[in-house]
C-alpha atoms as a PDB file:
ATOM      1  CA  UNK A   1      -8.158 -12.472  12.466  1.00  0.00           C
ATOM      2  CA  UNK A   2      -5.617 -11.573  15.221  1.00  0.00           C
ATOM      3  CA  UNK A   3      -4.865  -8.137  15.642  1.00  0.00           C
ATOM      4  CA  UNK A   4      -0.984  -7.845  16.047  1.00  0.00           C
ATOM      5  CA  UNK A   5      -0.075  -4.128  16.178  1.00  0.00           C
ATOM      6  CA  UNK A   6      -1.711  -0.721  16.165  1.00  0.00           C
ATOM      7  CA  UNK A   7      -2.856   0.522  12.884  1.00  0.00           C
ATOM      8  CA  UNK A   8      -4.934   3.275  11.790  1.00  0.00           C
ATOM      9  CA  UNK A   9      -7.163   4.456   8.795  1.00  0.00           C
ATOM     10  CA  UNK A  10      -8.945   7.777   7.804  1.00  0.00           C
ATOM     11  CA  UNK A  11      -8.505  11.329   8.561  1.00  0.00           C
ATOM     12  CA  UNK A  12     -10.144  13.961  10.844  1.00  0.00           C
ATOM     13  CA  UNK A  13     -11.645  15.765   7.990  1.00  0.00           C
ATOM     14  CA  UNK A  14     -15.250  16.828   7.744  1.00  0.00           C
ATOM     15  CA  UNK A  15     -17.504  13.617   6.614  1.00  0.00           C
ATOM     16  CA  UNK A  16     -14.770  11.103   7.503  1.00  0.00           C
ATOM     17  CA  UNK A  17     -13.783   9.048  10.421  1.00  0.00           C
ATOM     18  CA  UNK A  18     -10.262   8.419  12.071  1.00  0.00           C
ATOM     19  CA  UNK A  19     -10.122   4.718  13.285  1.00  0.00           C
ATOM     20  CA  UNK A  20      -7.257   3.248  15.571  1.00  0.00           C
ATOM     21  CA  UNK A  21      -7.036  -0.480  15.732  1.00  0.00           C
ATOM     22  CA  UNK A  22      -4.932  -2.229  18.484  1.00  0.00           C
ATOM     23  CA  UNK A  23      -4.296  -5.289  20.334  1.00  0.00           C
ATOM     24  CA  UNK A  24      -6.642  -5.833  23.519  1.00  0.00           C
ATOM     25  CA  UNK A  25      -7.810  -8.542  25.719  1.00  0.00           C
ATOM     26  CA  UNK A  26     -11.668  -8.104  24.615  1.00  0.00           C
ATOM     27  CA  UNK A  27     -13.543  -6.536  21.924  1.00  0.00           C
ATOM     28  CA  UNK A  28     -13.828  -2.887  22.925  1.00  0.00           C
ATOM     29  CA  UNK A  29     -15.418   0.115  20.930  1.00  0.00           C
ATOM     30  CA  UNK A  30     -14.469   3.803  22.063  1.00  0.00           C
ATOM     31  CA  UNK A  31     -16.498   6.153  19.885  1.00  0.00           C
ATOM     32  CA  UNK A  32     -16.337   9.784  19.713  1.00  0.00           C
ATOM     33  CA  UNK A  33     -18.762  11.488  17.329  1.00  0.00           C
ATOM     34  CA  UNK A  34     -20.163  14.889  16.168  1.00  0.00           C
ATOM     35  CA  UNK A  35     -23.413  13.080  15.884  1.00  0.00           C
ATOM     36  CA  UNK A  36     -23.028  10.770  18.733  1.00  0.00           C
ATOM     37  CA  UNK A  37     -26.348  11.242  20.321  1.00  0.00           C
ATOM     38  CA  UNK A  38     -28.316  10.582  17.076  1.00  0.00           C
ATOM     39  CA  UNK A  39     -26.213   7.793  15.279  1.00  0.00           C
ATOM     40  CA  UNK A  40     -24.159   5.984  18.000  1.00  0.00           C
ATOM     41  CA  UNK A  41     -26.118   2.818  18.031  1.00  0.00           C
ATOM     42  CA  UNK A  42     -25.889   2.563  14.212  1.00  0.00           C
ATOM     43  CA  UNK A  43     -22.183   3.504  14.231  1.00  0.00           C
ATOM     44  CA  UNK A  44     -21.512   0.790  16.803  1.00  0.00           C
ATOM     45  CA  UNK A  45     -23.788  -1.728  14.677  1.00  0.00           C
ATOM     46  CA  UNK A  46     -21.475  -0.890  11.667  1.00  0.00           C
ATOM     47  CA  UNK A  47     -18.167  -1.544  13.731  1.00  0.00           C
ATOM     48  CA  UNK A  48     -19.743  -4.854  14.922  1.00  0.00           C
ATOM     49  CA  UNK A  49     -20.667  -5.965  11.561  1.00  0.00           C
ATOM     50  CA  UNK A  50     -17.063  -5.573  10.361  1.00  0.00           C
ATOM     51  CA  UNK A  51     -15.527  -7.410  13.266  1.00  0.00           C
ATOM     52  CA  UNK A  52     -17.911  -9.994  13.027  1.00  0.00           C
ATOM     53  CA  UNK A  53     -17.102 -10.530   9.143  1.00  0.00           C
ATOM     54  CA  UNK A  54     -13.272 -10.292   9.937  1.00  0.00           C
ATOM     55  CA  UNK A  55     -13.599 -12.788  12.628  1.00  0.00           C
ATOM     56  CA  UNK A  56     -12.077 -10.162  15.378  1.00  0.00           C
ATOM     57  CA  UNK A  57     -12.820 -10.851  18.836  1.00  0.00           C
ATOM     58  CA  UNK A  58     -10.097  -9.287  20.456  1.00  0.00           C
ATOM     59  CA  UNK A  59      -9.233  -5.434  19.665  1.00  0.00           C
ATOM     60  CA  UNK A  60      -9.806  -2.009  20.920  1.00  0.00           C
ATOM     61  CA  UNK A  61     -11.147   0.202  18.242  1.00  0.00           C
ATOM     62  CA  UNK A  62     -11.104   3.887  18.904  1.00  0.00           C
ATOM     63  CA  UNK A  63     -13.206   5.921  16.421  1.00  0.00           C
ATOM     64  CA  UNK A  64     -13.182   9.712  15.844  1.00  0.00           C
ATOM     65  CA  UNK A  65     -16.108  10.409  13.726  1.00  0.00           C
ATOM     66  CA  UNK A  66     -16.573  13.592  11.908  1.00  0.00           C
ATOM     67  CA  UNK A  67     -20.103  12.839  10.270  1.00  0.00           C
ATOM     68  CA  UNK A  68     -18.996   9.895   8.009  1.00  0.00           C
ATOM     69  CA  UNK A  69     -21.812   7.777   6.209  1.00  0.00           C
ATOM     70  CA  UNK A  70     -21.883   4.146   7.105  1.00  0.00           C
ATOM     71  CA  UNK A  71     -20.008   2.845   4.010  1.00  0.00           C
ATOM     72  CA  UNK A  72     -17.129   5.304   4.983  1.00  0.00           C
ATOM     73  CA  UNK A  73     -17.121   3.979   8.738  1.00  0.00           C
ATOM     74  CA  UNK A  74     -16.978   0.133   7.616  1.00  0.00           C
ATOM     75  CA  UNK A  75     -14.235   1.030   5.109  1.00  0.00           C
ATOM     76  CA  UNK A  76     -12.155   2.690   7.730  1.00  0.00           C
ATOM     77  CA  UNK A  77     -12.634   0.053  10.457  1.00  0.00           C
ATOM     78  CA  UNK A  78     -11.953  -2.766   7.809  1.00  0.00           C
ATOM     79  CA  UNK A  79      -8.826  -0.919   6.494  1.00  0.00           C
ATOM     80  CA  UNK A  80      -7.421  -0.505  10.142  1.00  0.00           C
ATOM     81  CA  UNK A  81      -8.112  -3.951  11.397  1.00  0.00           C
ATOM     82  CA  UNK A  82      -6.423  -5.606   8.236  1.00  0.00           C
ATOM     83  CA  UNK A  83      -3.516  -3.352   8.833  1.00  0.00           C
ATOM     84  CA  UNK A  84      -3.252  -4.203  12.408  1.00  0.00           C
ATOM     85  CA  UNK A  85      -3.640  -7.931  11.582  1.00  0.00           C
ATOM     86  CA  UNK A  86      -0.919  -7.710   9.142  1.00  0.00           C
ATOM     87  CA  UNK A  87      -3.073  -8.204   5.967  1.00  0.00           C
ATOM     88  CA  UNK A  88      -2.248  -4.959   4.574  1.00  0.00           C
END
């Protein structure tokens, strides 16, 4: 999937994540999280799983995580990417 524009998903509420997806030359993930030290690797792994499934290789994904569980992170990333790719 080609990322064509900037799009967002989620909120900054507790137990949610705010995700911004935008066009970029490579795949870059910028993560800010209240549980960064404990779960940064798991969160990045969830993001990579979504990008792999959607075939996204060029995008900047910025995540502000407020303690979201894995399924919420995956859903927010998928929604932001699909919106940015013009599928939603």
